[in-house]
């Protein structure tokens, strides 16, 4: 492996062109500023004789772990024979009147968005959906950019909803990450890892507005919410 210092000087660019021509694989590392924070990325520019995932992927250098690479968020390819939303099976939301209004709950593998102003009850409805899943032995995950898990548990207790018991039992998981320094690729990977490790079947993302504020790249924002979650058998 060779390392090459890149820059804007003409001589440097000339030597870089020669190096790229001779090398079988070219990996480009970038370090730039996005708004007021630094961002590192890695891209496989060229790789002879083997497949590679194109595009820029997030890279971090962390204490105790060294270099970490998080694959870029991208919409999956959905094949005709692999469409999870085609099932007729429904899952109850857990609010009888609402389930009746919807004809018996929501379809498994489908996506439902709850819209309302702050304080309208979106988080309460989300936690009830997860607790209803627990009754059917379906593990749930609540992802939030707005509230710390301790605050979510406290607020639920205030209206008689005991989340801590299900968290202790391993049936419910709460994942929080601050939106101020959100790296969407790294965040995406952590959520996917939790879904796979804990066999999550019901997923609630609380705070879509916070994502739209934290993620400047609208393409990455749209890809994050593209129905890839269904591939993890979530409902």
Protein backbone atom coordinates (compact mmCIF):
# COMPACT_ATOMS: atom_id res chain seq x y z
CA UNK A 1 0.00 0.00 0.00
CA UNK A 2 1.25 3.46 -0.93
CA UNK A 3 0.15 6.79 0.52
CA UNK A 4 0.01 9.95 -1.56
CA UNK A 5 -0.48 13.53 -0.39
CA UNK A 6 -3.14 15.14 -2.59
CA UNK A 7 -3.73 18.83 -3.01
CA UNK A 8 -4.40 21.55 -5.54
CA UNK A 9 -0.84 22.16 -6.73
CA UNK A 10 -0.42 21.26 -10.40
CA UNK A 11 2.70 19.17 -9.76
CA UNK A 12 0.92 17.19 -7.07
CA UNK A 13 -2.03 16.51 -9.37
CA UNK A 14 0.29 15.30 -12.12
CA UNK A 15 1.98 12.78 -9.84
CA UNK A 16 -1.44 11.71 -8.53
CA UNK A 17 -2.70 11.01 -12.06
CA UNK A 18 0.33 8.79 -12.66
CA UNK A 19 -0.16 6.95 -9.37
CA UNK A 20 -3.84 6.31 -10.11
CA UNK A 21 -2.95 4.96 -13.58
CA UNK A 22 -0.44 2.47 -12.14
CA UNK A 23 -2.42 1.30 -9.09
CA UNK A 24 -4.93 -1.55 -9.12
CA UNK A 25 -6.99 -0.02 -6.32
CA UNK A 26 -7.37 3.63 -5.39
CA UNK A 27 -8.89 4.65 -2.06
CA UNK A 28 -9.49 8.36 -1.56
CA UNK A 29 -9.84 9.86 1.93
CA UNK A 30 -11.34 13.33 2.36
CA UNK A 31 -11.59 15.64 5.33
CA UNK A 32 -13.80 18.67 4.93
CA UNK A 33 -16.12 20.93 6.88
CA UNK A 34 -19.92 20.70 6.84
CA UNK A 35 -21.39 23.81 8.39
CA UNK A 36 -19.38 24.08 11.63
CA UNK A 37 -18.27 20.47 12.03
CA UNK A 38 -15.63 18.26 10.45
CA UNK A 39 -16.55 15.31 8.27
CA UNK A 40 -14.30 12.50 7.04
CA UNK A 41 -15.20 10.19 4.18
CA UNK A 42 -13.71 7.32 2.21
CA UNK A 43 -14.35 6.43 -1.43
CA UNK A 44 -13.10 3.54 -3.57
CA UNK A 45 -12.32 5.42 -6.75
CA UNK A 46 -11.02 2.41 -8.68
CA UNK A 47 -10.62 -1.30 -8.06
CA UNK A 48 -9.44 -3.59 -10.86
CA UNK A 49 -10.81 -7.12 -10.99
CA UNK A 50 -13.23 -6.92 -8.06
CA UNK A 51 -16.59 -5.43 -7.22
CA UNK A 52 -16.84 -2.47 -4.87
CA UNK A 53 -19.53 -0.21 -3.43
CA UNK A 54 -19.23 3.18 -5.07
CA UNK A 55 -19.82 6.59 -3.53
CA UNK A 56 -18.50 8.33 -0.44
CA UNK A 57 -18.89 6.58 2.90
CA UNK A 58 -18.54 8.16 6.33
CA UNK A 59 -15.24 7.57 8.13
CA UNK A 60 -14.43 8.32 11.74
CA UNK A 61 -11.20 8.09 13.76
CA UNK A 62 -12.23 7.20 17.32
CA UNK A 63 -10.22 6.69 20.48
CA UNK A 64 -9.64 3.03 21.24
CA UNK A 65 -11.10 1.88 17.93
CA UNK A 66 -8.99 3.59 15.30
CA UNK A 67 -10.58 3.99 11.88
CA UNK A 68 -14.27 3.12 11.53
CA UNK A 69 -16.14 3.18 8.22
CA UNK A 70 -19.93 3.41 7.93
CA UNK A 71 -21.46 2.49 4.60
CA UNK A 72 -23.40 5.33 3.04
CA UNK A 73 -27.17 5.34 3.42
CA UNK A 74 -28.75 4.27 0.14
CA UNK A 75 -32.12 2.98 -0.99
CA UNK A 76 -32.19 -0.80 -1.49
CA UNK A 77 -33.15 -2.57 -4.69
CA UNK A 78 -36.57 -4.18 -4.15
CA UNK A 79 -37.26 -7.16 -6.39
CA UNK A 80 -40.74 -8.27 -7.46
CA UNK A 81 -40.51 -11.47 -5.42
CA UNK A 82 -39.20 -9.72 -2.31
CA UNK A 83 -41.89 -7.16 -1.43
CA UNK A 84 -42.73 -7.39 2.29
CA UNK A 85 -45.70 -4.99 2.12
CA UNK A 86 -47.68 -7.42 -0.06
CA UNK A 87 -48.79 -9.49 2.99
CA UNK A 88 -52.41 -9.42 4.18
CA UNK A 89 -51.43 -10.01 7.81
CA UNK A 90 -52.24 -7.15 10.19
CA UNK A 91 -50.83 -6.08 13.55
CA UNK A 92 -52.89 -4.26 16.15
CA UNK A 93 -51.87 -0.77 17.19
CA UNK A 94 -53.20 -1.33 20.68
CA UNK A 95 -55.89 1.36 20.75
CA UNK A 96 -59.17 -0.49 20.12
CA UNK A 97 -61.07 2.38 18.50
CA UNK A 98 -58.14 3.25 16.23
CA UNK A 99 -57.67 -0.38 15.22
CA UNK A 100 -61.38 -0.57 14.38
CA UNK A 101 -61.16 2.59 12.28
CA UNK A 102 -58.29 1.05 10.30
CA UNK A 103 -60.07 -2.24 9.73
CA UNK A 104 -58.03 -4.27 12.20
CA UNK A 105 -54.66 -2.55 12.56
CA UNK A 106 -51.77 -1.93 10.16
CA UNK A 107 -50.35 -4.38 7.61
CA UNK A 108 -47.16 -6.14 8.65
CA UNK A 109 -44.16 -4.70 6.83
CA UNK A 110 -45.97 -1.43 6.12
CA UNK A 111 -45.07 2.09 7.24
CA UNK A 112 -47.34 4.45 9.12
CA UNK A 113 -46.58 8.11 9.87
CA UNK A 114 -48.29 9.88 12.77
CA UNK A 115 -48.56 13.64 12.23
CA UNK A 116 -49.31 16.22 14.90
CA UNK A 117 -47.98 19.26 16.76
CA UNK A 118 -45.71 18.93 19.78
CA UNK A 119 -47.65 17.52 22.72
CA UNK A 120 -50.39 15.95 20.59
CA UNK A 121 -49.48 12.42 21.74
CA UNK A 122 -47.25 11.02 18.98
CA UNK A 123 -44.74 9.47 21.41
CA UNK A 124 -47.52 8.02 23.57
CA UNK A 125 -49.07 6.32 20.53
CA UNK A 126 -45.66 5.02 19.49
CA UNK A 127 -44.96 3.46 22.88
CA UNK A 128 -48.41 1.85 22.92
CA UNK A 129 -47.72 0.28 19.51
CA UNK A 130 -44.52 -1.21 20.90
CA UNK A 131 -46.19 -2.50 24.06
CA UNK A 132 -48.97 -4.10 22.02
CA UNK A 133 -46.27 -5.90 20.05
CA UNK A 134 -44.74 -7.17 23.30
CA UNK A 135 -48.06 -8.89 24.06
CA UNK A 136 -47.52 -10.87 20.85
CA UNK A 137 -43.88 -11.61 21.77
CA UNK A 138 -42.62 -9.08 19.21
CA UNK A 139 -39.54 -7.18 20.36
CA UNK A 140 -39.71 -3.42 19.82
CA UNK A 141 -37.25 -0.58 19.26
CA UNK A 142 -37.89 3.12 19.87
CA UNK A 143 -35.40 5.43 18.12
CA UNK A 144 -35.41 9.07 19.21
CA UNK A 145 -33.42 12.18 18.40
CA UNK A 146 -35.63 14.29 20.66
CA UNK A 147 -35.66 12.71 24.11
CA UNK A 148 -33.15 10.79 26.26
CA UNK A 149 -34.33 7.27 27.27
CA UNK A 150 -34.59 8.32 30.93
CA UNK A 151 -36.95 11.14 29.95
CA UNK A 152 -39.05 8.85 27.75
CA UNK A 153 -39.39 6.33 30.59
CA UNK A 154 -40.26 9.06 33.10
CA UNK A 155 -42.91 10.60 30.85
CA UNK A 156 -44.44 7.19 30.18
CA UNK A 157 -44.59 6.44 33.91
CA UNK A 158 -46.47 9.71 34.45
CA UNK A 159 -49.42 8.34 32.44
CA UNK A 160 -49.23 4.81 33.80
CA UNK A 161 -47.16 3.15 31.05
CA UNK A 162 -44.34 0.99 32.45
CA UNK A 163 -41.61 0.83 29.82
CA UNK A 164 -38.78 -0.05 32.22
CA UNK A 165 -40.17 -3.52 32.97
CA UNK A 166 -40.15 -4.43 29.28
CA UNK A 167 -36.69 -2.91 28.80
CA UNK A 168 -35.37 -5.01 31.70
CA UNK A 169 -37.00 -8.10 30.14
CA UNK A 170 -35.24 -7.43 26.83
CA UNK A 171 -38.51 -7.03 24.93
CA UNK A 172 -38.18 -3.28 24.40
CA UNK A 173 -35.13 -1.20 23.47
CA UNK A 174 -34.69 2.56 23.35
CA UNK A 175 -31.93 4.15 21.28
CA UNK A 176 -31.12 7.85 21.52
CA UNK A 177 -28.60 9.93 19.60
CA UNK A 178 -28.16 13.68 19.68
CA UNK A 179 -29.17 15.43 16.43
CA UNK A 180 -26.55 18.18 16.88
CA UNK A 181 -23.62 16.08 15.61
CA UNK A 182 -25.56 13.36 13.79
CA UNK A 183 -23.60 11.30 11.24
CA UNK A 184 -26.46 9.73 9.30
CA UNK A 185 -24.37 6.81 7.90
CA UNK A 186 -23.09 5.85 11.36
CA UNK A 187 -26.55 6.32 12.88
CA UNK A 188 -28.07 4.11 10.17
CA UNK A 189 -25.60 1.32 10.87
CA UNK A 190 -26.18 1.42 14.63
CA UNK A 191 -29.96 1.19 14.19
CA UNK A 192 -29.63 -1.73 11.74
CA UNK A 193 -27.26 -3.50 14.14
CA UNK A 194 -29.77 -3.18 16.97
CA UNK A 195 -32.57 -4.53 14.76
CA UNK A 196 -30.48 -7.56 13.81
CA UNK A 197 -28.96 -8.25 17.25
CA UNK A 198 -32.23 -8.03 19.15
CA UNK A 199 -34.56 -9.50 16.49
CA UNK A 200 -36.67 -6.33 16.38
CA UNK A 201 -40.11 -6.73 14.81
CA UNK A 202 -41.72 -3.40 15.68
CA UNK A 203 -39.89 -0.15 15.08
CA UNK A 204 -40.88 3.40 16.04
CA UNK A 205 -38.81 6.38 14.90
CA UNK A 206 -39.84 9.32 17.04
CA UNK A 207 -38.97 12.67 15.53
CA UNK A 208 -38.84 12.83 11.73
CA UNK A 209 -38.57 16.62 11.95
CA UNK A 210 -35.32 16.30 13.89
CA UNK A 211 -33.84 14.18 11.08
CA UNK A 212 -34.80 16.75 8.44
CA UNK A 213 -33.04 19.43 10.50
CA UNK A 214 -29.93 17.38 11.27
CA UNK A 215 -29.35 15.90 7.78
CA UNK A 216 -28.42 18.56 5.23
CA UNK A 217 -28.21 16.12 2.33
CA UNK A 218 -31.84 15.63 1.27
CA UNK A 219 -30.90 12.58 -0.80
CA UNK A 220 -29.46 10.86 2.29
CA UNK A 221 -32.51 11.95 4.29
CA UNK A 222 -34.91 10.37 1.77
CA UNK A 223 -32.84 7.19 1.52
CA UNK A 224 -32.80 6.84 5.31
CA UNK A 225 -36.60 6.67 5.34
CA UNK A 226 -36.93 4.50 2.23
CA UNK A 227 -38.59 1.18 3.19
CA UNK A 228 -35.41 -0.78 3.90
CA UNK A 229 -36.66 -1.38 7.47
CA UNK A 230 -39.05 -4.05 6.21
CA UNK A 231 -36.14 -6.22 5.15
CA UNK A 232 -35.41 -6.68 8.86
CA UNK A 233 -38.97 -8.10 9.33
CA UNK A 234 -40.17 -5.08 11.29
CA UNK A 235 -43.84 -4.09 11.39
